[in-house]
Amino acid sequence: MSTSSGGGLRVVHTHGERITISEVATGVELLSYVYRTEAAWESPKPYLHPLRTLANNVVTDYRPNDHRWHKGLQMTASHLSGQNLWGGNTYVHGKGYLELPERVGSMAHVTFDEVTSSGGRAVITERLTWHPYDGDLWADEERRIEVHDVDPEAGSWALTWTTAVTNRRDEPLRFGSPTTAGREMAGYTGLFWRGPRAFRDGRVIGPDSEGPELMGRQAPWLAYSGEHDGSDGHATLVFAHAPENDHSGSRGAHPAHWFVRNEPFAAVAPSLAFHDELELAPGGTLTRRYRVVVAEGAWERAEVTKYLEAHPW
């Protein structure tokens, strides 16, 4: 085990298992980044759980009984050149979700290049490899997770998740989703958050509209508010694209669309390939950067907008 502290954040690395980041003044563990290997059927991959507010309320779920492979906040690839780096059953058009273990792959931890805390910012940088069921090398990933802008007075903190995936095959990698495979409005893939059971029927807000009809639509950010079990009050999570993501596709990037549900559970993903497949050429690198703000209280649109304007990229 190793520990580092700086600028109000404490990082503890339990080698081979997890890294935790805590706010020093309160002792609240804001997140745990788990990279130990888990069940093959669940498409083992690192994930963040639990995520907590500064008031120590948990805002993620882990292995819920409806989807055991939903684990906090994690990078996924639900349909990847015929393989499932999501976990569980695989959607097949005309047949529904089938148990096809020979299609379930994994994302494997290789090493950490940086695990530090300094100047009010904690940083985890990691190298990973992506594999189909048979274990071949399909992709390398460089991942960076940063915790920053911790503000106890405002009751909020933020994390930035950056991923750069390089295709190591001799043919294109095709990122898709159940929707690209034929299921309507089920375009989940990429960075995915599963909220706690108490957040069911939560409020979904976008820049110009709100509600679950934001499913499959484009926007630079989306916010989800839910009410806690066990303690009074609400929390809001804001999910935002970095400008270079070109989420609308107006500058030539593959467009992103929001996957969001508040029934029968809380879930959000800035999907890489909601309606159409994203093709990554051999040797090509796909880079995306996202911000997730974790805040106490049920934020209104004006509060989200004010926060994002005050904390530019």
C-alpha atoms as a PDB file:
ATOM      1  CA  MET A   1       0.000   0.000   0.000  1.00  0.00           C
ATOM      2  CA  SER A   2       1.204   3.509  -0.832  1.00  0.00           C
ATOM      3  CA  THR A   3      -0.150   6.936   0.135  1.00  0.00           C
ATOM      4  CA  SER A   4       0.255  10.495  -1.135  1.00  0.00           C
ATOM      5  CA  SER A   5      -1.412  13.739  -0.084  1.00  0.00           C
ATOM      6  CA  GLY A   6      -1.452  17.252  -1.441  1.00  0.00           C
ATOM      7  CA  GLY A   7      -3.771  20.242  -1.612  1.00  0.00           C
ATOM      8  CA  GLY A   8      -6.560  18.640   0.381  1.00  0.00           C
ATOM      9  CA  LEU A   9      -6.704  15.281  -1.413  1.00  0.00           C
ATOM     10  CA  ARG A  10      -5.304  11.992  -0.132  1.00  0.00           C
ATOM     11  CA  VAL A  11      -4.557   9.083  -2.478  1.00  0.00           C
ATOM     12  CA  VAL A  12      -4.186   5.526  -1.157  1.00  0.00           C
ATOM     13  CA  HIS A  13      -3.100   2.739  -3.518  1.00  0.00           C
ATOM     14  CA  THR A  14      -3.819  -0.818  -2.424  1.00  0.00           C
ATOM     15  CA  HIS A  15      -1.643  -2.489  -5.022  1.00  0.00           C
ATOM     16  CA  GLY A  16      -3.341  -5.049  -7.233  1.00  0.00           C
ATOM     17  CA  GLU A  17      -6.804  -3.986  -6.111  1.00  0.00           C
ATOM     18  CA  ARG A  18      -7.815  -0.306  -5.988  1.00  0.00           C
ATOM     19  CA  ILE A  19      -6.925   3.368  -5.615  1.00  0.00           C
ATOM     20  CA  THR A  20      -8.983   5.611  -3.337  1.00  0.00           C
ATOM     21  CA  ILE A  21      -9.092   9.411  -3.312  1.00  0.00           C
ATOM     22  CA  SER A  22     -10.339  11.192  -0.196  1.00  0.00           C
ATOM     23  CA  GLU A  23     -10.975  14.793   0.821  1.00  0.00           C
ATOM     24  CA  VAL A  24      -8.624  15.386   3.739  1.00  0.00           C
ATOM     25  CA  ALA A  25     -10.614  17.878   5.822  1.00  0.00           C
ATOM     26  CA  THR A  26     -13.726  15.700   6.060  1.00  0.00           C
ATOM     27  CA  GLY A  27     -12.176  12.295   5.493  1.00  0.00           C
ATOM     28  CA  VAL A  28     -14.816  11.521   2.860  1.00  0.00           C
ATOM     29  CA  GLU A  29     -13.664   8.965   0.285  1.00  0.00           C
ATOM     30  CA  LEU A  30     -14.762  10.586  -2.967  1.00  0.00           C
ATOM     31  CA  LEU A  31     -14.043   7.603  -5.179  1.00  0.00           C
ATOM     32  CA  SER A  32     -12.499   4.193  -5.442  1.00  0.00           C
ATOM     33  CA  TYR A  33     -10.900   3.127  -8.732  1.00  0.00           C
ATOM     34  CA  VAL A  34     -11.039  -0.669  -8.776  1.00  0.00           C
ATOM     35  CA  TYR A  35      -8.815  -2.527 -11.233  1.00  0.00           C
ATOM     36  CA  ARG A  36      -8.703  -6.058  -9.814  1.00  0.00           C
ATOM     37  CA  THR A  37      -9.947  -8.785 -12.174  1.00  0.00           C
ATOM     38  CA  GLU A  38     -13.596  -9.772 -11.713  1.00  0.00           C
ATOM     39  CA  ALA A  39     -15.961 -12.339 -13.267  1.00  0.00           C
ATOM     40  CA  ALA A  40     -15.347 -13.104 -16.971  1.00  0.00           C
ATOM     41  CA  TRP A  41     -19.096 -13.065 -17.741  1.00  0.00           C
ATOM     42  CA  GLU A  42     -19.244  -9.453 -16.555  1.00  0.00           C
ATOM     43  CA  SER A  43     -16.530  -8.367 -19.039  1.00  0.00           C
ATOM     44  CA  PRO A  44     -13.863  -7.479 -16.466  1.00  0.00           C
ATOM     45  CA  LYS A  45     -12.637  -3.918 -16.664  1.00  0.00           C
ATOM     46  CA  PRO A  46     -11.623  -1.173 -14.202  1.00  0.00           C
ATOM     47  CA  TYR A  47     -14.397   1.007 -12.780  1.00  0.00           C
ATOM     48  CA  LEU A  48     -15.105   3.783 -10.297  1.00  0.00           C
ATOM     49  CA  HIS A  49     -17.281   2.727  -7.352  1.00  0.00           C
ATOM     50  CA  PRO A  50     -18.298   4.089  -5.030  1.00  0.00           C
ATOM     51  CA  LEU A  51     -18.504   7.711  -6.071  1.00  0.00           C
ATOM     52  CA  ARG A  52     -19.574   9.915  -3.161  1.00  0.00           C
ATOM     53  CA  THR A  53     -20.686  13.477  -2.625  1.00  0.00           C
ATOM     54  CA  LEU A  54     -18.778  15.650  -0.166  1.00  0.00           C
ATOM     55  CA  ALA A  55     -21.557  14.875   2.316  1.00  0.00           C
ATOM     56  CA  ASN A  56     -20.617  11.169   2.028  1.00  0.00           C
ATOM     57  CA  ASN A  57     -23.654  10.079  -0.006  1.00  0.00           C
ATOM     58  CA  VAL A  58     -23.049   7.327  -2.582  1.00  0.00           C
ATOM     59  CA  VAL A  59     -24.106   8.181  -6.156  1.00  0.00           C
ATOM     60  CA  THR A  60     -23.229   4.950  -8.002  1.00  0.00           C
ATOM     61  CA  ASP A  61     -24.498   1.375  -7.967  1.00  0.00           C
ATOM     62  CA  TYR A  62     -22.508  -1.868  -8.138  1.00  0.00           C
ATOM     63  CA  ARG A  63     -23.632  -5.220  -9.575  1.00  0.00           C
ATOM     64  CA  PRO A  64     -27.394  -4.505  -9.268  1.00  0.00           C
ATOM     65  CA  ASN A  65     -29.552  -7.619  -9.554  1.00  0.00           C
ATOM     66  CA  ASP A  66     -30.926  -6.547 -12.954  1.00  0.00           C
ATOM     67  CA  HIS A  67     -27.475  -6.081 -14.573  1.00  0.00           C
ATOM     68  CA  ARG A  68     -24.561  -7.572 -12.613  1.00  0.00           C
ATOM     69  CA  TRP A  69     -22.088  -5.997 -15.066  1.00  0.00           C
ATOM     70  CA  HIS A  70     -23.188  -2.431 -14.255  1.00  0.00           C
ATOM     71  CA  LYS A  71     -20.409  -1.138 -12.012  1.00  0.00           C
ATOM     72  CA  GLY A  72     -20.367   2.516 -11.016  1.00  0.00           C
ATOM     73  CA  LEU A  73     -18.737   4.627 -13.714  1.00  0.00           C
ATOM     74  CA  GLN A  74     -16.786   2.687 -16.317  1.00  0.00           C
ATOM     75  CA  MET A  75     -15.563   2.717 -19.907  1.00  0.00           C
ATOM     76  CA  THR A  76     -17.387   0.126 -22.008  1.00  0.00           C
ATOM     77  CA  ALA A  77     -17.826  -1.076 -25.592  1.00  0.00           C
ATOM     78  CA  SER A  78     -21.173  -2.844 -25.873  1.00  0.00           C
ATOM     79  CA  HIS A  79     -20.669  -3.850 -29.515  1.00  0.00           C
ATOM     80  CA  LEU A  80     -17.071  -3.914 -30.784  1.00  0.00           C
ATOM     81  CA  SER A  81     -16.479  -5.713 -34.088  1.00  0.00           C
ATOM     82  CA  GLY A  82     -18.825  -8.490 -33.003  1.00  0.00           C
ATOM     83  CA  GLN A  83     -17.545  -8.689 -29.437  1.00  0.00           C
ATOM     84  CA  ASN A  84     -19.136  -7.518 -26.174  1.00  0.00           C
ATOM     85  CA  LEU A  85     -16.898  -5.471 -23.859  1.00  0.00           C
ATOM     86  CA  TRP A  86     -19.944  -4.496 -21.829  1.00  0.00           C
ATOM     87  CA  GLY A  87     -20.786  -7.711 -20.035  1.00  0.00           C
ATOM     88  CA  GLY A  88     -23.673 -10.145 -19.785  1.00  0.00           C
ATOM     89  CA  ASN A  89     -25.978 -11.087 -22.630  1.00  0.00           C
ATOM     90  CA  THR A  90     -25.366  -9.822 -26.164  1.00  0.00           C
ATOM     91  CA  TYR A  91     -28.080  -8.246 -28.302  1.00  0.00           C
ATOM     92  CA  VAL A  92     -28.699 -10.058 -31.609  1.00  0.00           C
ATOM     93  CA  HIS A  93     -31.227  -8.532 -33.989  1.00  0.00           C
ATOM     94  CA  GLY A  94     -34.355 -10.623 -34.340  1.00  0.00           C
ATOM     95  CA  LYS A  95     -33.414 -12.846 -31.392  1.00  0.00           C
ATOM     96  CA  GLY A  96     -33.050 -10.383 -28.509  1.00  0.00           C
ATOM     97  CA  TYR A  97     -30.444 -10.732 -25.763  1.00  0.00           C
ATOM     98  CA  LEU A  98     -28.621 -14.058 -25.860  1.00  0.00           C
ATOM     99  CA  GLU A  99     -26.124 -15.733 -23.566  1.00  0.00           C
ATOM    100  CA  LEU A 100     -23.022 -15.812 -25.783  1.00  0.00           C
ATOM    101  CA  PRO A 101     -19.966 -16.114 -23.534  1.00  0.00           C
ATOM    102  CA  GLU A 102     -17.696 -16.551 -26.569  1.00  0.00           C
ATOM    103  CA  ARG A 103     -18.399 -12.904 -27.419  1.00  0.00           C
ATOM    104  CA  VAL A 104     -17.644 -11.399 -23.997  1.00  0.00           C
ATOM    105  CA  GLY A 105     -14.244  -9.704 -23.891  1.00  0.00           C
ATOM    106  CA  SER A 106     -12.314  -7.601 -21.378  1.00  0.00           C
ATOM    107  CA  MET A 107     -10.250  -4.484 -20.709  1.00  0.00           C
ATOM    108  CA  ALA A 108      -7.115  -5.378 -18.750  1.00  0.00           C
ATOM    109  CA  HIS A 109      -4.983  -3.181 -16.499  1.00  0.00           C
ATOM    110  CA  VAL A 110      -1.311  -3.112 -17.535  1.00  0.00           C
ATOM    111  CA  THR A 111       0.367  -0.465 -15.355  1.00  0.00           C
ATOM    112  CA  PHE A 112      -0.021   2.942 -13.760  1.00  0.00           C
ATOM    113  CA  ASP A 113       2.235   5.706 -15.055  1.00  0.00           C
ATOM    114  CA  GLU A 114       1.143   8.215 -12.413  1.00  0.00           C
ATOM    115  CA  VAL A 115      -0.752   8.110  -9.126  1.00  0.00           C
ATOM    116  CA  THR A 116      -0.291  11.490  -7.448  1.00  0.00           C
ATOM    117  CA  SER A 117      -1.904  14.287  -5.469  1.00  0.00           C
ATOM    118  CA  SER A 118      -0.685  17.874  -5.593  1.00  0.00           C
ATOM    119  CA  GLY A 119      -2.083  21.385  -5.675  1.00  0.00           C
ATOM    120  CA  GLY A 120      -5.680  20.351  -5.108  1.00  0.00           C
ATOM    121  CA  ARG A 121      -5.660  17.821  -7.958  1.00  0.00           C
ATOM    122  CA  ALA A 122      -5.311  14.039  -7.814  1.00  0.00           C
ATOM    123  CA  VAL A 123      -4.246  12.175 -10.964  1.00  0.00           C
ATOM    124  CA  ILE A 124      -4.387   8.534 -12.045  1.00  0.00           C
ATOM    125  CA  THR A 125      -2.857   7.652 -15.422  1.00  0.00           C
ATOM    126  CA  GLU A 126      -3.083   4.066 -16.584  1.00  0.00           C
ATOM    127  CA  ARG A 127      -2.291   1.858 -19.543  1.00  0.00           C
ATOM    128  CA  LEU A 128      -4.747  -0.877 -20.480  1.00  0.00           C
ATOM    129  CA  THR A 129      -5.295  -3.454 -23.235  1.00  0.00           C
ATOM    130  CA  TRP A 130      -8.598  -4.456 -24.864  1.00  0.00           C
ATOM    131  CA  HIS A 131      -9.282  -8.089 -25.749  1.00  0.00           C
ATOM    132  CA  PRO A 132     -11.974 -10.241 -27.345  1.00  0.00           C
ATOM    133  CA  TYR A 133     -13.006 -13.501 -25.683  1.00  0.00           C
ATOM    134  CA  ASP A 134     -10.006 -15.419 -27.099  1.00  0.00           C
ATOM    135  CA  GLY A 135      -7.514 -12.992 -25.546  1.00  0.00           C
ATOM    136  CA  ASP A 136      -6.035 -11.470 -28.720  1.00  0.00           C
ATOM    137  CA  LEU A 137      -4.797  -7.894 -28.477  1.00  0.00           C
ATOM    138  CA  TRP A 138      -7.295  -5.605 -30.208  1.00  0.00           C
ATOM    139  CA  ALA A 139      -6.442  -2.221 -28.712  1.00  0.00           C
ATOM    140  CA  ASP A 140      -4.220  -0.296 -26.316  1.00  0.00           C
ATOM    141  CA  GLU A 141      -5.693   2.426 -24.134  1.00  0.00           C
ATOM    142  CA  GLU A 142      -4.127   5.327 -22.282  1.00  0.00           C
ATOM    143  CA  ARG A 143      -6.487   6.551 -19.559  1.00  0.00           C
ATOM    144  CA  ARG A 144      -6.270   9.573 -17.285  1.00  0.00           C
ATOM    145  CA  ILE A 145      -8.615  10.274 -14.370  1.00  0.00           C
ATOM    146  CA  GLU A 146      -8.295  13.589 -12.524  1.00  0.00           C
ATOM    147  CA  VAL A 147     -10.114  14.799  -9.407  1.00  0.00           C
ATOM    148  CA  HIS A 148     -10.205  18.570  -9.105  1.00  0.00           C
ATOM    149  CA  ASP A 149     -12.252  21.654  -8.179  1.00  0.00           C
ATOM    150  CA  VAL A 150     -13.153  20.230  -4.770  1.00  0.00           C
ATOM    151  CA  ASP A 151     -15.313  22.899  -3.124  1.00  0.00           C
ATOM    152  CA  PRO A 152     -16.703  21.958   0.315  1.00  0.00           C
ATOM    153  CA  GLU A 153     -18.556  25.264   0.603  1.00  0.00           C
ATOM    154  CA  ALA A 154     -20.443  24.689  -2.644  1.00  0.00           C
ATOM    155  CA  GLY A 155     -20.749  20.954  -1.947  1.00  0.00           C
ATOM    156  CA  SER A 156     -19.286  19.938  -5.313  1.00  0.00           C
ATOM    157  CA  TRP A 157     -16.258  18.315  -6.875  1.00  0.00           C
ATOM    158  CA  ALA A 158     -15.335  17.221 -10.374  1.00  0.00           C
ATOM    159  CA  LEU A 159     -13.506  14.467 -12.185  1.00  0.00           C
ATOM    160  CA  THR A 160     -12.185  14.484 -15.732  1.00  0.00           C
ATOM    161  CA  TRP A 161     -11.941  11.168 -17.592  1.00  0.00           C
ATOM    162  CA  THR A 162      -9.708  11.065 -20.690  1.00  0.00           C
ATOM    163  CA  THR A 163      -9.377   7.982 -22.873  1.00  0.00           C
ATOM    164  CA  ALA A 164      -7.198   7.338 -25.940  1.00  0.00           C
ATOM    165  CA  VAL A 165      -7.829   3.964 -27.600  1.00  0.00           C
ATOM    166  CA  THR A 166      -5.456   2.771 -30.360  1.00  0.00           C
ATOM    167  CA  ASN A 167      -6.479   0.001 -32.763  1.00  0.00           C
ATOM    168  CA  ARG A 168      -3.832  -2.753 -32.830  1.00  0.00           C
ATOM    169  CA  ARG A 169      -5.656  -4.975 -35.334  1.00  0.00           C
ATOM    170  CA  ASP A 170      -4.939  -5.244 -39.060  1.00  0.00           C
ATOM    171  CA  GLU A 171      -8.542  -4.280 -39.794  1.00  0.00           C
ATOM    172  CA  PRO A 172     -10.870  -1.537 -38.548  1.00  0.00           C
ATOM    173  CA  LEU A 173     -12.402  -1.657 -35.078  1.00  0.00           C
ATOM    174  CA  ARG A 174     -16.140  -1.007 -35.333  1.00  0.00           C
ATOM    175  CA  PHE A 175     -17.732   0.581 -32.260  1.00  0.00           C
ATOM    176  CA  GLY A 176     -21.478   0.043 -32.161  1.00  0.00           C
ATOM    177  CA  SER A 177     -24.409  -0.428 -29.798  1.00  0.00           C
ATOM    178  CA  PRO A 178     -27.630  -2.430 -29.576  1.00  0.00           C
ATOM    179  CA  THR A 179     -29.228   0.337 -31.646  1.00  0.00           C
ATOM    180  CA  THR A 180     -26.698  -0.012 -34.463  1.00  0.00           C
ATOM    181  CA  ALA A 181     -27.479  -3.763 -34.237  1.00  0.00           C
ATOM    182  CA  GLY A 182     -31.215  -3.126 -34.660  1.00  0.00           C
ATOM    183  CA  ARG A 183     -32.741  -2.342 -31.244  1.00  0.00           C
ATOM    184  CA  GLU A 184     -34.393   1.072 -31.132  1.00  0.00           C
ATOM    185  CA  MET A 185     -33.265   3.664 -28.570  1.00  0.00           C
ATOM    186  CA  ALA A 186     -30.711   1.415 -26.863  1.00  0.00           C
ATOM    187  CA  GLY A 187     -27.520   3.090 -28.047  1.00  0.00           C
ATOM    188  CA  TYR A 188     -25.448   2.535 -24.918  1.00  0.00           C
ATOM    189  CA  THR A 189     -21.679   2.277 -25.238  1.00  0.00           C
ATOM    190  CA  GLY A 190     -18.580   4.188 -24.075  1.00  0.00           C
ATOM    191  CA  LEU A 191     -18.392   5.886 -20.683  1.00  0.00           C
ATOM    192  CA  PHE A 192     -21.376   4.652 -18.652  1.00  0.00           C
ATOM    193  CA  TRP A 193     -22.782   5.640 -15.249  1.00  0.00           C
ATOM    194  CA  ARG A 194     -25.215   3.486 -13.285  1.00  0.00           C
ATOM    195  CA  GLY A 195     -26.936   5.421 -10.518  1.00  0.00           C
ATOM    196  CA  PRO A 196     -28.051   4.047  -7.140  1.00  0.00           C
ATOM    197  CA  ARG A 197     -31.451   2.412  -6.873  1.00  0.00           C
ATOM    198  CA  ALA A 198     -32.797   5.441  -4.976  1.00  0.00           C
ATOM    199  CA  PHE A 199     -32.194   7.615  -8.075  1.00  0.00           C
ATOM    200  CA  ARG A 200     -34.894   5.844 -10.059  1.00  0.00           C
ATOM    201  CA  ASP A 201     -37.369   8.388 -11.471  1.00  0.00           C
ATOM    202  CA  GLY A 202     -34.771  11.139 -11.094  1.00  0.00           C
ATOM    203  CA  ARG A 203     -34.795  14.412 -12.992  1.00  0.00           C
ATOM    204  CA  VAL A 204     -32.923  14.694 -16.299  1.00  0.00           C
ATOM    205  CA  ILE A 205     -31.932  18.170 -17.524  1.00  0.00           C
ATOM    206  CA  GLY A 206     -30.225  19.361 -20.707  1.00  0.00           C
ATOM    207  CA  PRO A 207     -29.307  22.848 -21.929  1.00  0.00           C
ATOM    208  CA  ASP A 208     -32.636  23.383 -23.690  1.00  0.00           C
ATOM    209  CA  SER A 209     -35.007  20.642 -22.527  1.00  0.00           C
ATOM    210  CA  GLU A 210     -35.469  17.985 -19.892  1.00  0.00           C
ATOM    211  CA  GLY A 211     -36.797  14.514 -19.251  1.00  0.00           C
ATOM    212  CA  PRO A 212     -36.052  11.059 -20.670  1.00  0.00           C
ATOM    213  CA  GLU A 213     -36.897  12.309 -24.172  1.00  0.00           C
ATOM    214  CA  LEU A 214     -33.263  13.471 -24.220  1.00  0.00           C
ATOM    215  CA  MET A 215     -32.494   9.842 -25.085  1.00  0.00           C
ATOM    216  CA  GLY A 216     -30.667   9.695 -28.416  1.00  0.00           C
ATOM    217  CA  ARG A 217     -30.261  13.455 -28.678  1.00  0.00           C
ATOM    218  CA  GLN A 218     -27.196  15.691 -28.816  1.00  0.00           C
ATOM    219  CA  ALA A 219     -26.121  18.289 -26.255  1.00  0.00           C
ATOM    220  CA  PRO A 220     -22.822  19.499 -24.763  1.00  0.00           C
ATOM    221  CA  TRP A 221     -23.948  18.405 -21.291  1.00  0.00           C
ATOM    222  CA  LEU A 222     -26.627  16.502 -19.409  1.00  0.00           C
ATOM    223  CA  ALA A 223     -27.478  16.560 -15.674  1.00  0.00           C
ATOM    224  CA  TYR A 224     -29.194  13.919 -13.536  1.00  0.00           C
ATOM    225  CA  SER A 225     -30.617  14.648 -10.050  1.00  0.00           C
ATOM    226  CA  GLY A 226     -31.872  12.054  -7.597  1.00  0.00           C
ATOM    227  CA  GLU A 227     -32.971  11.804  -3.958  1.00  0.00           C
ATOM    228  CA  HIS A 228     -30.942   9.777  -1.469  1.00  0.00           C
ATOM    229  CA  ASP A 229     -32.057   6.833   0.579  1.00  0.00           C
ATOM    230  CA  GLY A 230     -30.880   6.861   4.183  1.00  0.00           C
ATOM    231  CA  SER A 231     -30.174  10.571   4.368  1.00  0.00           C
ATOM    232  CA  ASP A 232     -32.175  13.658   3.513  1.00  0.00           C
ATOM    233  CA  GLY A 233     -31.602  15.585   0.318  1.00  0.00           C
ATOM    234  CA  HIS A 234     -30.624  15.187  -3.306  1.00  0.00           C
ATOM    235  CA  ALA A 235     -27.505  15.025  -5.434  1.00  0.00           C
ATOM    236  CA  THR A 236     -26.830  16.099  -9.008  1.00  0.00           C
ATOM    237  CA  LEU A 237     -24.333  14.646 -11.451  1.00  0.00           C
ATOM    238  CA  VAL A 238     -23.392  16.717 -14.493  1.00  0.00           C
ATOM    239  CA  PHE A 239     -21.866  14.925 -17.498  1.00  0.00           C
ATOM    240  CA  ALA A 240     -20.112  17.168 -20.027  1.00  0.00           C
ATOM    241  CA  HIS A 241     -18.197  16.814 -23.287  1.00  0.00           C
ATOM    242  CA  ALA A 242     -14.837  18.512 -23.698  1.00  0.00           C
ATOM    243  CA  PRO A 243     -14.852  20.910 -26.674  1.00  0.00           C
ATOM    244  CA  GLU A 244     -12.411  18.754 -28.650  1.00  0.00           C
ATOM    245  CA  ASN A 245     -14.851  15.840 -28.566  1.00  0.00           C
ATOM    246  CA  ASP A 246     -16.836  17.688 -31.266  1.00  0.00           C
ATOM    247  CA  HIS A 247     -19.929  15.920 -29.925  1.00  0.00           C
ATOM    248  CA  SER A 248     -22.168  17.348 -32.676  1.00  0.00           C
ATOM    249  CA  GLY A 249     -19.847  16.187 -35.450  1.00  0.00           C
ATOM    250  CA  SER A 250     -19.796  19.678 -36.942  1.00  0.00           C
ATOM    251  CA  ARG A 251     -15.985  19.597 -37.253  1.00  0.00           C
ATOM    252  CA  GLY A 252     -15.760  16.085 -38.662  1.00  0.00           C
ATOM    253  CA  ALA A 253     -15.776  13.854 -35.561  1.00  0.00           C
ATOM    254  CA  HIS A 254     -18.172  10.949 -35.268  1.00  0.00           C
ATOM    255  CA  PRO A 255     -21.225  12.474 -33.521  1.00  0.00           C
ATOM    256  CA  ALA A 256     -22.159  11.552 -29.941  1.00  0.00           C
ATOM    257  CA  HIS A 257     -25.695  11.184 -28.577  1.00  0.00           C
ATOM    258  CA  TRP A 258     -26.911  10.800 -25.017  1.00  0.00           C
ATOM    259  CA  PHE A 259     -28.119   7.501 -23.646  1.00  0.00           C
ATOM    260  CA  VAL A 260     -30.188   8.301 -20.551  1.00  0.00           C
ATOM    261  CA  ARG A 261     -32.789   6.474 -18.482  1.00  0.00           C
ATOM    262  CA  ASN A 262     -34.567   7.232 -15.232  1.00  0.00           C
ATOM    263  CA  GLU A 263     -36.791   4.129 -15.462  1.00  0.00           C
ATOM    264  CA  PRO A 264     -36.431   1.317 -14.522  1.00  0.00           C
ATOM    265  CA  PHE A 265     -33.052   2.589 -13.265  1.00  0.00           C
ATOM    266  CA  ALA A 266     -30.797   5.637 -13.440  1.00  0.00           C
ATOM    267  CA  ALA A 267     -28.192   5.555 -16.208  1.00  0.00           C
ATOM    268  CA  VAL A 268     -26.276   8.024 -18.379  1.00  0.00           C
ATOM    269  CA  ALA A 269     -23.754   7.569 -21.192  1.00  0.00           C
ATOM    270  CA  PRO A 270     -22.370  10.049 -23.744  1.00  0.00           C
ATOM    271  CA  SER A 271     -22.582   7.299 -26.355  1.00  0.00           C
ATOM    272  CA  LEU A 272     -19.820   7.037 -28.943  1.00  0.00           C
ATOM    273  CA  ALA A 273     -21.999   5.129 -31.396  1.00  0.00           C
ATOM    274  CA  PHE A 274     -25.687   5.508 -30.575  1.00  0.00           C
ATOM    275  CA  HIS A 275     -27.247   5.528 -34.053  1.00  0.00           C
ATOM    276  CA  ASP A 276     -24.316   4.650 -36.332  1.00  0.00           C
ATOM    277  CA  GLU A 277     -21.107   2.675 -36.004  1.00  0.00           C
ATOM    278  CA  LEU A 278     -17.814   4.462 -35.412  1.00  0.00           C
ATOM    279  CA  GLU A 279     -14.977   2.925 -37.419  1.00  0.00           C
ATOM    280  CA  LEU A 280     -11.400   3.184 -36.108  1.00  0.00           C
ATOM    281  CA  ALA A 281      -8.748   2.411 -38.723  1.00  0.00           C
ATOM    282  CA  PRO A 282      -5.767   0.138 -37.993  1.00  0.00           C
ATOM    283  CA  GLY A 283      -3.219   2.136 -36.001  1.00  0.00           C
ATOM    284  CA  GLY A 284      -5.727   4.937 -35.467  1.00  0.00           C
ATOM    285  CA  THR A 285      -6.416   6.463 -32.046  1.00  0.00           C
ATOM    286  CA  LEU A 286      -9.821   7.497 -30.717  1.00  0.00           C
ATOM    287  CA  THR A 287      -9.535  10.169 -28.000  1.00  0.00           C
ATOM    288  CA  ARG A 288     -12.383  11.493 -25.870  1.00  0.00           C
ATOM    289  CA  ARG A 289     -12.472  13.640 -22.714  1.00  0.00           C
ATOM    290  CA  TYR A 290     -15.405  13.993 -20.343  1.00  0.00           C
ATOM    291  CA  ARG A 291     -16.141  15.815 -17.096  1.00  0.00           C
ATOM    292  CA  VAL A 292     -18.400  14.516 -14.332  1.00  0.00           C
ATOM    293  CA  VAL A 293     -19.432  16.970 -11.598  1.00  0.00           C
ATOM    294  CA  VAL A 294     -20.735  15.479  -8.336  1.00  0.00           C
ATOM    295  CA  ALA A 295     -22.781  17.956  -6.306  1.00  0.00           C
ATOM    296  CA  GLU A 296     -25.060  17.973  -3.303  1.00  0.00           C
ATOM    297  CA  GLY A 297     -28.557  19.310  -3.980  1.00  0.00           C
ATOM    298  CA  ALA A 298     -30.971  19.237  -6.908  1.00  0.00           C
ATOM    299  CA  TRP A 299     -29.389  21.687  -9.334  1.00  0.00           C
ATOM    300  CA  GLU A 300     -31.532  23.641 -11.762  1.00  0.00           C
ATOM    301  CA  ARG A 301     -30.434  24.391 -15.327  1.00  0.00           C
ATOM    302  CA  ALA A 302     -29.196  27.830 -14.335  1.00  0.00           C
ATOM    303  CA  GLU A 303     -26.959  26.359 -11.630  1.00  0.00           C
ATOM    304  CA  VAL A 304     -25.451  23.850 -14.054  1.00  0.00           C
ATOM    305  CA  THR A 305     -24.823  26.544 -16.641  1.00  0.00           C
ATOM    306  CA  LYS A 306     -23.253  28.860 -14.058  1.00  0.00           C
ATOM    307  CA  TYR A 307     -20.948  26.102 -12.806  1.00  0.00           C
ATOM    308  CA  LEU A 308     -19.767  25.134 -16.291  1.00  0.00           C
ATOM    309  CA  GLU A 309     -19.121  28.760 -17.213  1.00  0.00           C
ATOM    310  CA  ALA A 310     -17.117  29.255 -14.017  1.00  0.00           C
ATOM    311  CA  HIS A 311     -15.040  26.093 -14.625  1.00  0.00           C
ATOM    312  CA  PRO A 312     -13.992  26.184 -18.290  1.00  0.00           C
ATOM    313  CA  TRP A 313     -11.963  23.434 -19.849  1.00  0.00           C
END
